[in-house]
Amino acid sequence: MTAMLDRRSLLASVAVLCALPASAQTYPTKPIKIIVPFPAGQSTDILARVMADQLTKAFGQQVIVENRPGAAGSIGADAAAKAAPDGYTLLMVTISTHGIAPAIYPKLPYDPQKDFAPIANIGLTPQVLMASLKSGIESVQDLIAKAKAGGDLNYGTSGNGSASHLAVEMLKSAAGIKLTHIPFKGNGEAHLALQSGDIQILSDAIPGAVGPIKAGKVKGIGIADQRRSPFLPDLPTIIEQGVPGVVAVGWIGLSAPARTPEPILDRVSAEVMRILKEPEVLEKLRSLAFVPAKESRQEFEAYIALENIKWRKIVQDAGVKIE
């Protein structure tokens, strides 16, 4: 009897072990949902739909996009965090939901690191510092000189605690200057204020900055990245202009709920890495002014951890608070 029980236990154990890789090999067996925590039509939504189309072809199962906007992305992120960790609910994560929000909001309903398993970073877009043509500011050093000379300089943002806001706060801290913050309801209002000269400085991501700069409506004065942007190759970085450490790069990636099986995460990550080499996908990224990130699961996980540390320090130093 004991021998029979031992044999049954052994067979049961073997069956469990065999089932694990089999589940990953057969995944997916039903449609997959990608939650986008922002409205349709925004960059995150567009990239999600590109990924969904490509993953549908790769998996032979429908991959659908579900927009769950609200509360700066936290509604959709919270829904994904609470979903079953089976690989059938994924989330588009961004600098907002998983980089800045944890530093800004004291009662965020999810933890960007504990509640999620990163799959892959997809696209990058740095902040661009721009000056009003009426300001006479031609470079970052011009801005610093005018600020230190006691100039009354205002900078606009698309909202308190936004990436555009914190990028300028990072510059202020690094350069040791004072600028007055003027928040607007959105990027459109902020850009109009810059073009009219009501504000002197504005930071925005590459997609929102390229058009006005190339049209000659504003003056681009610096890229907040470690390298120049291929979309504005003649514009030097802020670091090149003598202010070290000013790196504010927006990013959009893909994650799953924590405890999603590793083989499934590996499978999806490998497909995303392959998709990011497809010419039609690269062209779509270029059309949105994004550079492909192509970061592995492990690299993306480390990147998010560093982003959390960086933005918490910026928010704390600047005294930014949002209840």
Protein backbone atom coordinates (compact mmCIF):
# COMPACT_ATOMS: atom_id res chain seq x y z
CA MET A 1 0.00 0.00 0.00
CA THR A 2 2.79 2.39 0.94
CA ALA A 3 4.58 1.66 -2.33
CA MET A 4 1.36 2.32 -4.26
CA LEU A 5 0.82 5.65 -2.49
CA ASP A 6 4.42 6.67 -3.15
CA ARG A 7 3.96 5.77 -6.82
CA ARG A 8 0.75 7.82 -7.02
CA SER A 9 2.44 10.79 -5.34
CA LEU A 10 5.32 10.55 -7.77
CA LEU A 11 2.99 10.41 -10.77
CA ALA A 12 1.01 13.38 -9.45
CA SER A 13 4.18 15.40 -8.99
CA VAL A 14 5.36 14.56 -12.52
CA ALA A 15 1.96 15.56 -13.90
CA VAL A 16 2.14 18.96 -12.18
CA LEU A 17 5.67 19.59 -13.43
CA CYS A 18 4.75 18.63 -16.97
CA ALA A 19 1.66 20.85 -16.88
CA LEU A 20 3.61 24.02 -16.19
CA PRO A 21 5.62 24.19 -19.39
CA ALA A 22 2.65 22.86 -21.35
CA SER A 23 0.51 25.79 -20.21
CA ALA A 24 3.11 28.22 -21.48
CA GLN A 25 3.45 26.33 -24.76
CA THR A 26 -0.28 26.42 -25.43
CA TYR A 27 -0.77 30.03 -24.24
CA PRO A 28 -2.88 31.78 -25.30
CA THR A 29 -6.01 29.69 -25.65
CA LYS A 30 -8.46 32.61 -25.52
CA PRO A 31 -8.52 36.38 -26.24
CA ILE A 32 -6.10 38.67 -24.41
CA LYS A 33 -7.03 42.12 -23.12
CA ILE A 34 -4.64 45.08 -23.00
CA ILE A 35 -5.87 47.79 -20.64
CA VAL A 36 -4.96 51.35 -21.64
CA PRO A 37 -5.40 53.66 -18.63
CA PHE A 38 -5.91 56.72 -20.86
CA PRO A 39 -8.48 57.85 -23.45
CA ALA A 40 -8.51 56.55 -27.01
CA GLY A 41 -6.41 58.44 -29.52
CA GLN A 42 -3.48 59.27 -27.24
CA SER A 43 0.02 57.92 -27.89
CA THR A 44 -0.37 55.13 -25.31
CA ASP A 45 -3.61 54.01 -26.94
CA ILE A 46 -2.13 54.11 -30.45
CA LEU A 47 0.90 52.03 -29.43
CA ALA A 48 -1.37 49.57 -27.62
CA ARG A 49 -3.38 49.03 -30.79
CA VAL A 50 -0.21 48.51 -32.82
CA MET A 51 0.92 45.90 -30.28
CA ALA A 52 -2.54 44.30 -30.20
CA ASP A 53 -2.63 43.89 -33.98
CA GLN A 54 0.85 42.36 -34.07
CA LEU A 55 0.26 40.06 -31.09
CA THR A 56 -3.01 38.87 -32.62
CA LYS A 57 -1.07 37.74 -35.69
CA ALA A 58 1.63 36.13 -33.56
CA PHE A 59 -0.64 34.27 -31.13
CA GLY A 60 -3.56 33.38 -33.38
CA GLN A 61 -5.87 34.73 -30.67
CA GLN A 62 -7.61 38.08 -30.63
CA VAL A 63 -5.83 40.74 -28.59
CA ILE A 64 -8.20 43.57 -27.75
CA VAL A 65 -7.63 47.04 -26.30
CA GLU A 66 -9.80 48.29 -23.47
CA ASN A 67 -9.58 51.96 -22.50
CA ARG A 68 -10.05 52.55 -18.77
CA PRO A 69 -9.16 56.26 -18.34
CA GLY A 70 -9.40 58.39 -15.22
CA ALA A 71 -7.45 59.68 -12.22
CA ALA A 72 -4.21 60.18 -14.17
CA GLY A 73 -4.19 56.55 -15.24
CA SER A 74 -4.69 55.04 -11.79
CA ILE A 75 -8.17 53.62 -12.51
CA GLY A 76 -6.96 51.44 -15.36
CA ALA A 77 -3.74 50.52 -13.57
CA ASP A 78 -5.66 49.47 -10.46
CA ALA A 79 -8.01 47.33 -12.54
CA ALA A 80 -5.05 45.54 -14.12
CA ALA A 81 -3.34 45.06 -10.76
CA LYS A 82 -6.45 43.26 -9.46
CA ALA A 83 -6.92 41.08 -12.57
CA ALA A 84 -6.17 37.37 -12.57
CA PRO A 85 -2.43 36.77 -13.08
CA ASP A 86 -2.91 34.38 -15.97
CA GLY A 87 -1.53 36.35 -18.91
CA TYR A 88 -4.94 37.29 -20.30
CA THR A 89 -4.95 40.83 -18.87
CA LEU A 90 -2.03 43.12 -19.69
CA LEU A 91 -1.50 46.83 -19.02
CA MET A 92 0.13 49.64 -20.95
CA VAL A 93 2.33 51.35 -18.35
CA THR A 94 3.89 54.79 -18.67
CA ILE A 95 6.14 57.29 -16.93
CA SER A 96 2.91 58.74 -15.52
CA THR A 97 1.37 55.56 -14.05
CA HIS A 98 4.55 53.79 -12.94
CA GLY A 99 7.17 56.52 -12.63
CA ILE A 100 5.72 59.83 -11.44
CA ALA A 101 2.34 58.88 -9.90
CA PRO A 102 3.89 56.84 -7.07
CA ALA A 103 5.94 59.89 -6.09
CA ILE A 104 3.04 62.34 -6.33
CA TYR A 105 -0.07 60.61 -5.01
CA PRO A 106 0.00 59.55 -1.34
CA LYS A 107 -2.95 57.15 -1.68
CA LEU A 108 -2.27 55.43 -4.99
CA PRO A 109 -4.39 52.23 -5.10
CA TYR A 110 -1.58 50.12 -6.58
CA ASP A 111 2.15 49.64 -6.14
CA PRO A 112 3.98 50.00 -9.48
CA GLN A 113 6.64 47.49 -8.49
CA LYS A 114 4.93 44.99 -6.19
CA ASP A 115 1.67 44.69 -8.12
CA PHE A 116 3.07 44.26 -11.63
CA ALA A 117 5.44 42.08 -13.63
CA PRO A 118 7.15 44.14 -16.36
CA ILE A 119 7.14 42.59 -19.84
CA ALA A 120 8.92 45.08 -22.10
CA ASN A 121 9.57 48.76 -22.60
CA ILE A 122 8.27 49.84 -26.02
CA GLY A 123 8.88 53.51 -26.80
CA LEU A 124 10.82 56.50 -25.48
CA THR A 125 10.27 60.22 -25.90
CA PRO A 126 12.33 62.85 -24.03
CA GLN A 127 11.17 66.22 -22.81
CA VAL A 128 12.19 69.26 -24.87
CA LEU A 129 12.80 72.66 -23.30
CA MET A 130 11.40 75.51 -25.41
CA ALA A 131 11.54 79.30 -25.12
CA SER A 132 9.19 82.01 -26.36
CA LEU A 133 10.54 83.91 -29.36
CA LYS A 134 9.80 87.11 -27.42
CA SER A 135 12.01 86.07 -24.50
CA GLY A 136 15.33 86.43 -26.32
CA ILE A 137 16.43 83.11 -24.83
CA GLU A 138 18.48 81.13 -27.33
CA SER A 139 19.99 78.39 -25.17
CA VAL A 140 19.95 76.79 -21.74
CA GLN A 141 22.86 79.00 -20.68
CA ASP A 142 20.89 82.08 -21.79
CA LEU A 143 18.02 80.92 -19.58
CA ILE A 144 20.32 80.37 -16.61
CA ALA A 145 21.99 83.75 -17.06
CA LYS A 146 18.67 85.61 -17.25
CA ALA A 147 17.29 83.75 -14.24
CA LYS A 148 20.38 84.44 -12.13
CA ALA A 149 20.32 88.09 -13.18
CA GLY A 150 16.94 88.40 -11.49
CA GLY A 151 14.75 88.08 -14.54
CA ASP A 152 11.07 87.43 -13.90
CA LEU A 153 10.72 84.20 -15.85
CA ASN A 154 7.65 82.01 -15.95
CA TYR A 155 7.38 78.44 -17.16
CA GLY A 156 4.15 76.75 -18.12
CA THR A 157 3.08 73.14 -17.76
CA SER A 158 0.15 70.95 -18.75
CA GLY A 159 -0.64 70.45 -15.08
CA ASN A 160 0.80 70.19 -11.60
CA GLY A 161 2.91 67.06 -11.23
CA SER A 162 3.08 66.32 -14.97
CA ALA A 163 6.27 65.18 -16.68
CA SER A 164 6.63 68.64 -18.24
CA HIS A 165 6.40 70.20 -14.78
CA LEU A 166 8.94 67.92 -13.14
CA ALA A 167 11.38 68.19 -16.04
CA VAL A 168 11.69 71.93 -15.40
CA GLU A 169 11.90 71.36 -11.65
CA MET A 170 14.80 69.00 -12.34
CA LEU A 171 16.53 71.71 -14.39
CA LYS A 172 15.90 74.35 -11.71
CA SER A 173 17.50 72.16 -9.08
CA ALA A 174 20.48 71.20 -11.24
CA ALA A 175 21.15 74.75 -12.41
CA GLY A 176 20.35 76.49 -9.13
CA ILE A 177 17.83 78.92 -10.62
CA LYS A 178 14.33 80.16 -9.82
CA LEU A 179 11.43 80.12 -12.26
CA THR A 180 7.74 80.72 -11.56
CA HIS A 181 5.39 77.84 -12.31
CA ILE A 182 2.20 78.63 -14.27
CA PRO A 183 -0.02 75.52 -14.62
CA PHE A 184 -2.47 75.22 -17.51
CA LYS A 185 -5.34 72.85 -18.14
CA GLY A 186 -3.57 71.17 -21.03
CA ASN A 187 -0.73 71.28 -23.53
CA GLY A 188 -2.72 73.35 -26.01
CA GLU A 189 -3.19 76.26 -23.62
CA ALA A 190 0.43 76.11 -22.49
CA HIS A 191 1.73 76.21 -26.08
CA LEU A 192 -0.47 79.19 -26.93
CA ALA A 193 0.83 81.03 -23.86
CA LEU A 194 4.41 80.33 -24.92
CA GLN A 195 3.84 81.50 -28.47
CA SER A 196 2.15 84.70 -27.28
CA GLY A 197 4.95 85.43 -24.82
CA ASP A 198 2.75 85.18 -21.71
CA ILE A 199 5.23 82.59 -20.44
CA GLN A 200 8.90 82.35 -21.34
CA ILE A 201 9.61 78.63 -20.94
CA LEU A 202 7.75 75.40 -21.61
CA SER A 203 8.78 71.75 -21.54
CA ASP A 204 6.94 69.15 -23.57
CA ALA A 205 7.63 65.69 -24.96
CA ILE A 206 9.06 65.36 -28.46
CA PRO A 207 5.68 64.66 -30.15
CA GLY A 208 4.27 67.98 -28.91
CA ALA A 209 7.46 69.96 -29.42
CA VAL A 210 8.63 69.02 -32.91
CA GLY A 211 5.84 70.82 -34.81
CA PRO A 212 6.07 74.26 -33.13
CA ILE A 213 9.88 74.20 -33.22
CA LYS A 214 10.12 73.26 -36.90
CA ALA A 215 7.41 75.79 -37.77
CA GLY A 216 9.47 78.51 -36.11
CA LYS A 217 6.76 79.37 -33.59
CA VAL A 218 9.01 78.71 -30.57
CA LYS A 219 12.72 78.23 -29.92
CA GLY A 220 13.93 74.79 -28.90
CA ILE A 221 16.75 75.23 -26.40
CA GLY A 222 17.52 71.76 -25.05
CA ILE A 223 16.74 68.05 -24.98
CA ALA A 224 16.34 66.46 -21.54
CA ASP A 225 18.17 63.26 -22.40
CA GLN A 226 21.64 61.77 -22.49
CA ARG A 227 21.70 61.94 -26.27
CA ARG A 228 20.20 64.08 -29.00
CA SER A 229 16.89 63.17 -30.54
CA PRO A 230 16.76 61.88 -34.12
CA PHE A 231 13.66 64.05 -34.54
CA LEU A 232 15.57 67.24 -33.61
CA PRO A 233 19.18 66.27 -34.38
CA ASP A 234 20.52 69.85 -34.36
CA LEU A 235 19.18 70.61 -30.89
CA PRO A 236 21.80 69.92 -28.17
CA THR A 237 20.95 68.20 -24.94
CA ILE A 238 20.76 70.14 -21.70
CA ILE A 239 23.70 68.07 -20.48
CA GLU A 240 25.77 69.18 -23.50
CA GLN A 241 25.07 72.76 -22.46
CA GLY A 242 26.71 72.33 -19.09
CA VAL A 243 23.89 71.18 -16.80
CA PRO A 244 24.54 67.55 -15.80
CA GLY A 245 21.94 65.00 -14.84
CA VAL A 246 18.89 66.54 -16.53
CA VAL A 247 17.25 63.46 -18.04
CA ALA A 248 13.46 63.41 -18.30
CA VAL A 249 12.38 60.76 -20.80
CA GLY A 250 8.82 59.62 -21.20
CA TRP A 251 8.25 55.92 -21.80
CA ILE A 252 5.46 53.49 -22.63
CA GLY A 253 5.71 49.78 -21.96
CA LEU A 254 3.76 46.62 -21.28
CA SER A 255 3.24 44.84 -17.95
CA ALA A 256 1.12 42.08 -16.45
CA PRO A 257 -0.32 41.55 -12.97
CA ALA A 258 2.21 40.29 -10.43
CA ARG A 259 2.47 36.50 -10.12
CA THR A 260 1.76 35.93 -13.80
CA PRO A 261 3.72 32.74 -14.67
CA GLU A 262 7.27 33.40 -15.80
CA PRO A 263 7.01 31.31 -18.99
CA ILE A 264 4.04 33.40 -20.12
CA LEU A 265 5.87 36.65 -19.37
CA ASP A 266 8.86 35.37 -21.34
CA ARG A 267 6.65 34.41 -24.26
CA VAL A 268 4.96 37.80 -24.51
CA SER A 269 8.25 39.65 -23.97
CA ALA A 270 9.94 37.70 -26.77
CA GLU A 271 7.09 38.54 -29.15
CA VAL A 272 7.24 42.24 -28.27
CA MET A 273 11.00 42.27 -28.87
CA ARG A 274 10.43 40.69 -32.27
CA ILE A 275 7.58 43.08 -33.09
CA LEU A 276 9.80 46.08 -32.34
CA LYS A 277 12.04 45.01 -35.23
CA GLU A 278 9.23 44.96 -37.78
CA PRO A 279 9.60 47.79 -40.36
CA GLU A 280 5.91 48.76 -40.23
CA VAL A 281 6.03 49.01 -36.43
CA LEU A 282 9.23 51.07 -36.49
CA GLU A 283 7.61 53.39 -39.01
CA LYS A 284 4.58 53.80 -36.73
CA LEU A 285 6.84 54.66 -33.81
CA ARG A 286 8.64 57.22 -35.96
CA SER A 287 5.33 58.77 -37.00
CA LEU A 288 4.53 59.27 -33.31
CA ALA A 289 8.06 60.66 -32.63
CA PHE A 290 8.95 57.72 -30.39
CA VAL A 291 12.26 55.85 -30.35
CA PRO A 292 11.91 52.07 -29.82
CA ALA A 293 13.12 51.06 -26.36
CA LYS A 294 13.61 47.32 -26.93
CA GLU A 295 14.28 46.62 -23.25
CA SER A 296 14.00 43.08 -21.95
CA ARG A 297 11.86 42.14 -18.98
CA GLN A 298 14.77 42.37 -16.57
CA GLU A 299 16.03 45.65 -18.00
CA PHE A 300 12.56 47.17 -17.89
CA GLU A 301 12.07 46.08 -14.28
CA ALA A 302 15.36 47.72 -13.27
CA TYR A 303 14.46 50.84 -15.27
CA ILE A 304 11.12 51.27 -13.48
CA ALA A 305 12.83 50.89 -10.09
CA LEU A 306 15.33 53.63 -10.97
CA GLU A 307 12.55 55.88 -12.30
CA ASN A 308 10.71 55.57 -8.99
CA ILE A 309 13.81 56.61 -7.07
CA LYS A 310 14.54 59.53 -9.40
CA TRP A 311 11.06 61.04 -9.46
CA ARG A 312 10.53 60.66 -5.72
CA LYS A 313 13.62 62.77 -5.16
CA ILE A 314 12.55 65.42 -7.69
CA VAL A 315 9.06 65.63 -6.19
CA GLN A 316 10.44 65.83 -2.64
CA ASP A 317 13.03 68.47 -3.51
CA ALA A 318 10.47 70.57 -5.39
CA GLY A 319 7.82 70.17 -2.70
CA VAL A 320 5.18 69.11 -5.21
CA LYS A 321 2.01 67.84 -3.53
CA ILE A 322 -1.25 66.55 -4.97
CA GLU A 323 -3.91 65.14 -2.69
